Amino acid sequence: MRYRCAILDDYQAAAAGLADWNSLSDVDVTFFTAPFADAQAAARALKDFHIVGLMRERTPFPRALLAGLPNLRLLMTSGMGNAAIDLAAARDHGVTVCGTGHFGAPAAALAIGLMLELTRRIGFEDARLKAGAPWQVTLGRDLEGMTLGIVGLGRLGRRVAAIAQALGMEVIAWSQNLTPEACRDAGVAYASRTELFARADIVSIHLALSERTRGLIGCDELSRMKPTAYLVNTARGPIVVEDDLVDVLRQRRIAGAGLDVFWTEPLPLDHPLRGLDNVVLTPHLGYVTEQGYRRFYADMVEDIAAWLAGAPIRRIEAE
């Protein structure tokens, strides 16, 4: 039997060249480079495929979509977790779900990059120079001596903390379960939720999205921030109440924000964030690197080969 495999969310049209898909002799692979308009469009496009590979949390796979894909047998995601897949529904429909490894902590570097763009306006000045504008209008702010408040001190949060300290920043941290002892182990200072938002010159978010963290940062937290402070979010959009953030940015009650993630992705063309000059926006690039993609897609090839051999690897199952 020949199997049909769909690789979704290949926005850069890079997947074909980053893994040895030809090693799967019994599998025909099709690459999809644009997001689907809705779940119905996804169901129509994928109804004849047996295998689907996706980038984490780009294309949702709820129960209704899984029910509309009678031929689907193997679903793969980058990483070992994907909140956009209904794992219980996959189990109920007899679909095996597998994940991949990952490379490094690229979102940490992006978070630092957004901080640098907000404070030194590198991209802004690059665009001015190329447009023939007069020499130098930016008076930058140095990260050295600033206080970085990290919300969520896990693997990524600790990496950001280490880079920030190397740049001469003081680092404080808070999250719902974080303890002063864990902060000491990471070499940073513990702060209460109230203290972190009041003290930090930059707040950087590094939490997983869950029912407990959805809407965690809203008007109360943003109103505590200094008017010279910045918010950076490379985690997940819904952790921050987006309407509240737009409001404080419009009123310039904080200096600005660097955002890689949003409530709706791709970000609608008429979204108010696109029109604000105190916001730096990137299109969810946190894990989008060549090294990371090579690992994701190579592991997907391994996932398919193992599944075809009757011994699936890196399985992800409903709890």
Protein backbone atom coordinates (compact mmCIF):
# COMPACT_ATOMS: atom_id res chain seq x y z
CA MET A 1 0.00 0.00 0.00
CA ARG A 2 1.16 3.51 -0.76
CA TYR A 3 0.52 6.14 1.88
CA ARG A 4 -0.13 9.83 1.40
CA CYS A 5 1.55 12.25 3.78
CA ALA A 6 0.72 15.93 4.17
CA ILE A 7 3.28 18.26 5.76
CA LEU A 8 1.40 21.36 6.87
CA ASP A 9 2.43 24.85 7.93
CA ASP A 10 5.51 24.92 5.66
CA TYR A 11 5.33 28.71 5.43
CA GLN A 12 8.93 29.10 4.18
CA ALA A 13 8.62 26.24 1.65
CA ALA A 14 11.68 24.78 3.39
CA ALA A 15 10.55 21.34 4.54
CA ALA A 16 11.30 19.47 1.30
CA GLY A 17 15.00 20.29 1.53
CA LEU A 18 15.51 19.76 5.24
CA ALA A 19 14.95 16.00 5.56
CA ASP A 20 15.35 12.85 3.50
CA TRP A 21 11.72 12.31 2.54
CA ASN A 22 12.83 10.09 -0.37
CA SER A 23 13.89 7.45 2.15
CA LEU A 24 10.18 6.74 2.67
CA SER A 25 9.74 4.61 -0.41
CA ASP A 26 6.08 3.79 0.21
CA VAL A 27 5.00 7.34 1.04
CA ASP A 28 4.02 10.21 -1.25
CA VAL A 29 4.66 13.53 0.51
CA THR A 30 2.80 16.76 -0.22
CA PHE A 31 3.85 20.09 1.31
CA PHE A 32 1.31 22.77 2.23
CA THR A 33 2.81 26.26 2.42
CA ALA A 34 -0.20 28.33 3.50
CA PRO A 35 -2.61 28.09 6.43
CA PHE A 36 -6.12 26.79 5.81
CA ALA A 37 -8.96 29.31 5.87
CA ASP A 38 -10.90 27.23 8.39
CA ALA A 39 -11.44 23.69 9.66
CA GLN A 40 -13.74 22.87 6.75
CA ALA A 41 -11.05 23.82 4.26
CA ALA A 42 -8.55 21.68 6.15
CA ALA A 43 -10.92 18.70 6.10
CA ARG A 44 -11.47 19.03 2.36
CA ALA A 45 -7.75 19.27 1.62
CA LEU A 46 -6.67 16.43 3.92
CA LYS A 47 -9.46 13.86 3.56
CA ASP A 48 -7.37 11.48 1.43
CA PHE A 49 -4.19 11.62 3.53
CA HIS A 50 -3.08 8.86 5.89
CA ILE A 51 -0.26 10.81 7.59
CA VAL A 52 -0.14 14.48 8.59
CA GLY A 53 2.79 16.43 10.03
CA LEU A 54 2.31 19.84 11.60
CA MET A 55 4.19 22.62 13.28
CA ARG A 56 3.19 23.05 16.89
CA GLU A 57 -0.01 25.04 17.36
CA ARG A 58 -0.26 26.41 13.83
CA THR A 59 -3.07 24.26 12.42
CA PRO A 60 -5.56 23.20 15.12
CA PHE A 61 -6.69 19.56 15.15
CA PRO A 62 -9.89 19.53 17.25
CA ARG A 63 -12.29 16.60 17.46
CA ALA A 64 -14.46 17.87 14.59
CA LEU A 65 -11.54 17.95 12.16
CA LEU A 66 -10.30 14.52 13.21
CA ALA A 67 -13.80 13.15 12.67
CA GLY A 68 -13.69 14.48 9.12
CA LEU A 69 -10.47 12.66 8.22
CA PRO A 70 -11.41 8.96 7.98
CA ASN A 71 -8.12 7.95 6.37
CA LEU A 72 -5.84 9.59 8.93
CA ARG A 73 -3.71 7.11 10.86
CA LEU A 74 -0.58 9.02 11.96
CA LEU A 75 -0.45 12.62 13.19
CA MET A 76 2.93 14.20 13.93
CA THR A 77 3.82 17.47 15.61
CA SER A 78 7.05 19.35 16.11
CA GLY A 79 8.08 19.00 19.74
CA MET A 80 6.60 16.66 22.31
CA GLY A 81 3.48 18.64 23.08
CA ASN A 82 0.85 20.47 21.06
CA ALA A 83 -2.10 22.08 22.79
CA ALA A 84 -3.87 22.45 19.43
CA ILE A 85 -4.33 18.67 19.06
CA ASP A 86 -7.27 17.00 20.77
CA LEU A 87 -5.38 13.93 21.96
CA ALA A 88 -8.46 12.22 23.36
CA ALA A 89 -10.22 12.59 20.01
CA ALA A 90 -7.16 11.25 18.20
CA ARG A 91 -7.21 8.20 20.46
CA ASP A 92 -10.94 7.72 19.90
CA HIS A 93 -10.45 7.82 16.11
CA GLY A 94 -7.53 5.39 16.16
CA VAL A 95 -4.94 8.01 15.20
CA THR A 96 -1.40 7.59 16.53
CA VAL A 97 0.19 10.90 17.58
CA CYS A 98 3.98 11.27 17.63
CA GLY A 99 6.34 14.15 18.35
CA THR A 100 9.91 15.18 17.65
CA GLY A 101 12.95 16.42 19.47
CA HIS A 102 14.03 20.05 19.40
CA PHE A 103 17.19 22.08 18.93
CA GLY A 104 18.44 24.49 21.58
CA ALA A 105 16.31 27.36 22.88
CA PRO A 106 15.81 29.68 19.89
CA ALA A 107 12.95 31.58 21.51
CA ALA A 108 15.37 32.84 24.16
CA ALA A 109 17.54 34.54 21.55
CA LEU A 110 14.45 36.03 19.89
CA ALA A 111 13.29 37.47 23.23
CA ILE A 112 16.66 39.18 23.66
CA GLY A 113 16.49 40.38 20.06
CA LEU A 114 13.12 42.01 20.70
CA MET A 115 14.53 43.72 23.77
CA LEU A 116 17.41 45.08 21.70
CA GLU A 117 15.06 46.27 18.97
CA LEU A 118 12.84 48.05 21.47
CA THR A 119 15.74 49.78 23.22
CA ARG A 120 18.18 50.37 20.32
CA ARG A 121 15.76 50.44 17.33
CA ILE A 122 18.12 48.59 15.04
CA GLY A 123 15.54 47.68 12.39
CA PHE A 124 14.04 51.17 12.49
CA GLU A 125 17.40 52.83 11.81
CA ASP A 126 18.24 50.25 9.13
CA ALA A 127 15.03 51.14 7.28
CA ARG A 128 15.75 54.87 7.63
CA LEU A 129 19.26 54.57 6.23
CA LYS A 130 18.10 52.51 3.27
CA ALA A 131 15.36 55.06 2.57
CA GLY A 132 17.89 57.91 2.46
CA ALA A 133 16.76 59.55 5.69
CA PRO A 134 18.99 61.93 7.67
CA TRP A 135 21.72 60.48 9.90
CA GLN A 136 20.77 59.29 13.42
CA VAL A 137 17.51 60.11 15.17
CA THR A 138 17.47 57.37 17.82
CA LEU A 139 18.67 57.95 21.35
CA GLY A 140 18.86 54.36 22.54
CA ARG A 141 18.61 52.90 26.01
CA ASP A 142 21.25 50.48 27.28
CA LEU A 143 20.13 47.13 28.65
CA GLU A 144 23.01 47.22 31.11
CA GLY A 145 21.71 48.33 34.49
CA MET A 146 18.09 47.62 33.63
CA THR A 147 15.93 45.19 35.63
CA LEU A 148 14.49 42.28 33.68
CA GLY A 149 11.39 40.66 35.14
CA ILE A 150 10.93 37.09 33.91
CA VAL A 151 7.49 35.54 34.20
CA GLY A 152 8.15 31.80 34.16
CA LEU A 153 11.60 30.51 35.08
CA GLY A 154 11.68 27.22 33.19
CA ARG A 155 14.18 26.13 30.54
CA LEU A 156 13.62 29.17 28.33
CA GLY A 157 13.28 31.62 31.18
CA ARG A 158 16.58 30.48 32.67
CA ARG A 159 18.32 30.84 29.29
CA VAL A 160 17.00 34.38 28.90
CA ALA A 161 18.10 35.17 32.45
CA ALA A 162 21.65 34.00 31.74
CA ILE A 163 21.92 36.09 28.56
CA ALA A 164 20.45 39.13 30.30
CA GLN A 165 22.93 38.83 33.15
CA ALA A 166 25.78 38.64 30.64
CA LEU A 167 24.51 41.96 29.27
CA GLY A 168 24.64 43.50 32.75
CA MET A 169 20.95 43.31 33.63
CA GLU A 170 19.55 42.58 37.07
CA VAL A 171 17.07 39.69 36.84
CA ILE A 172 14.02 39.04 38.98
CA ALA A 173 11.44 36.32 38.41
CA TRP A 174 7.91 35.25 39.34
CA SER A 175 5.36 32.65 38.35
CA GLN A 176 2.48 30.94 40.12
CA ASN A 177 4.55 28.01 41.41
CA LEU A 178 7.98 29.62 41.53
CA THR A 179 9.77 29.59 44.87
CA PRO A 180 12.62 31.74 46.24
CA GLU A 181 14.71 28.56 46.46
CA ALA A 182 14.27 27.84 42.73
CA CYS A 183 15.26 31.41 41.95
CA ARG A 184 18.42 31.08 44.05
CA ASP A 185 19.29 27.88 42.19
CA ALA A 186 18.98 29.81 38.91
CA GLY A 187 21.02 32.73 40.20
CA VAL A 188 18.18 35.27 40.04
CA ALA A 189 16.14 37.14 42.63
CA TYR A 190 12.59 36.16 43.53
CA ALA A 191 9.88 38.82 43.32
CA SER A 192 6.18 38.77 44.04
CA ARG A 193 3.81 39.26 41.13
CA THR A 194 3.10 42.84 42.18
CA GLU A 195 6.76 43.68 42.74
CA LEU A 196 7.90 42.24 39.42
CA PHE A 197 5.55 44.35 37.31
CA ALA A 198 6.29 47.47 39.34
CA ARG A 199 10.10 47.11 39.33
CA ALA A 200 10.96 45.67 35.94
CA ASP A 201 12.21 47.83 33.07
CA ILE A 202 11.41 44.92 30.77
CA VAL A 203 8.94 42.09 31.48
CA SER A 204 9.57 38.93 29.44
CA ILE A 205 7.04 36.08 29.43
CA HIS A 206 8.15 32.44 29.34
CA LEU A 207 5.13 30.36 30.39
CA ALA A 208 3.23 27.55 28.74
CA LEU A 209 -0.36 28.36 27.81
CA SER A 210 -2.91 26.60 29.97
CA GLU A 211 -6.27 27.37 31.52
CA ARG A 212 -4.37 28.68 34.52
CA THR A 213 -2.16 31.06 32.50
CA ARG A 214 -4.72 32.21 29.92
CA GLY A 215 -5.37 35.90 30.58
CA LEU A 216 -2.83 35.89 33.42
CA ILE A 217 -1.51 39.33 32.51
CA GLY A 218 -4.15 42.00 32.12
CA CYS A 219 -5.05 45.52 33.11
CA ASP A 220 -3.95 45.17 36.75
CA GLU A 221 -0.46 43.92 35.88
CA LEU A 222 0.06 46.30 32.95
CA SER A 223 -1.07 49.29 35.01
CA ARG A 224 1.66 48.56 37.57
CA MET A 225 4.41 48.83 34.95
CA LYS A 226 6.52 51.96 34.71
CA PRO A 227 5.78 54.30 31.79
CA THR A 228 9.35 53.64 30.61
CA ALA A 229 8.97 49.83 30.73
CA TYR A 230 8.53 47.31 27.93
CA LEU A 231 6.65 44.02 27.66
CA VAL A 232 8.10 41.14 25.60
CA ASN A 233 6.02 38.06 24.79
CA THR A 234 7.55 35.13 22.92
CA ALA A 235 5.46 32.53 24.79
CA ARG A 236 1.78 32.50 23.75
CA GLY A 237 -0.51 35.38 22.88
CA PRO A 238 -3.48 34.52 25.12
CA ILE A 239 -1.33 34.73 28.27
CA VAL A 240 -1.76 38.50 27.90
CA VAL A 241 -5.22 40.09 27.62
CA GLU A 242 -4.72 41.56 24.17
CA ASP A 243 -7.34 44.33 24.42
CA ASP A 244 -5.77 45.54 27.67
CA LEU A 245 -2.32 45.57 26.09
CA VAL A 246 -3.53 47.52 23.05
CA ASP A 247 -5.16 50.03 25.39
CA VAL A 248 -2.02 50.74 27.45
CA LEU A 249 0.11 50.96 24.29
CA ARG A 250 -2.26 53.39 22.62
CA GLN A 251 -2.27 55.57 25.74
CA ARG A 252 1.53 55.18 26.04
CA ARG A 253 1.18 54.09 29.63
CA ILE A 254 4.15 51.79 28.93
CA ALA A 255 6.99 52.52 26.54
CA GLY A 256 6.29 49.66 24.16
CA ALA A 257 6.05 45.94 23.50
CA GLY A 258 7.87 43.28 21.52
CA LEU A 259 5.44 40.56 20.44
CA ASP A 260 6.06 37.30 18.60
CA VAL A 261 2.73 35.68 19.51
CA PHE A 262 -0.89 36.74 19.27
CA TRP A 263 -4.43 35.67 20.11
CA THR A 264 -5.16 35.08 16.41
CA GLU A 265 -2.43 33.76 14.14
CA PRO A 266 -1.69 34.71 11.42
CA LEU A 267 -2.31 38.23 12.73
CA PRO A 268 -5.25 39.80 10.83
CA LEU A 269 -4.33 42.63 8.47
CA ASP A 270 -6.69 45.02 10.26
CA HIS A 271 -5.45 44.19 13.77
CA PRO A 272 -4.82 47.34 15.85
CA LEU A 273 -1.34 46.18 16.86
CA ARG A 274 -0.20 46.62 13.26
CA GLY A 275 -0.84 50.36 13.48
CA LEU A 276 1.08 51.15 16.68
CA ASP A 277 4.53 52.73 16.41
CA ASN A 278 5.63 51.60 19.89
CA VAL A 279 5.31 47.89 19.08
CA VAL A 280 7.78 45.52 17.43
CA LEU A 281 5.99 42.59 15.80
CA THR A 282 7.38 39.29 14.50
CA PRO A 283 5.26 36.46 13.01
CA HIS A 284 5.76 33.73 15.65
CA LEU A 285 9.42 33.15 14.83
CA GLY A 286 10.39 31.81 18.27
CA TYR A 287 11.18 28.27 17.13
CA VAL A 288 11.68 29.05 13.44
CA THR A 289 15.36 28.35 12.76
CA GLU A 290 17.11 26.18 10.21
CA GLN A 291 18.68 23.98 12.89
CA GLY A 292 15.35 23.52 14.63
CA TYR A 293 13.53 22.69 11.42
CA ARG A 294 16.16 20.14 10.43
CA ARG A 295 15.58 18.36 13.72
CA PHE A 296 11.79 18.55 13.45
CA TYR A 297 11.58 17.20 9.92
CA ALA A 298 14.29 14.57 10.31
CA ASP A 299 12.44 13.25 13.34
CA MET A 300 9.16 13.23 11.41
CA VAL A 301 10.80 11.01 8.79
CA GLU A 302 11.89 8.71 11.64
CA ASP A 303 8.37 8.80 13.10
CA ILE A 304 6.88 7.70 9.78
CA ALA A 305 9.42 4.92 9.26
CA ALA A 306 8.87 3.58 12.78
CA TRP A 307 5.09 3.72 12.41
CA LEU A 308 5.26 1.88 9.08
CA ALA A 309 7.37 -0.78 10.81
CA GLY A 310 4.67 -1.20 13.46
CA ALA A 311 6.73 0.28 16.30
CA PRO A 312 5.81 3.99 16.72
CA ILE A 313 8.33 6.18 18.55
CA ARG A 314 7.97 9.40 20.53
CA ARG A 315 4.27 8.75 21.07
CA ILE A 316 2.11 11.45 22.65
CA GLU A 317 -1.01 10.15 24.35
CA ALA A 318 -3.98 11.64 26.14
CA GLU A 319 -3.67 11.65 29.91
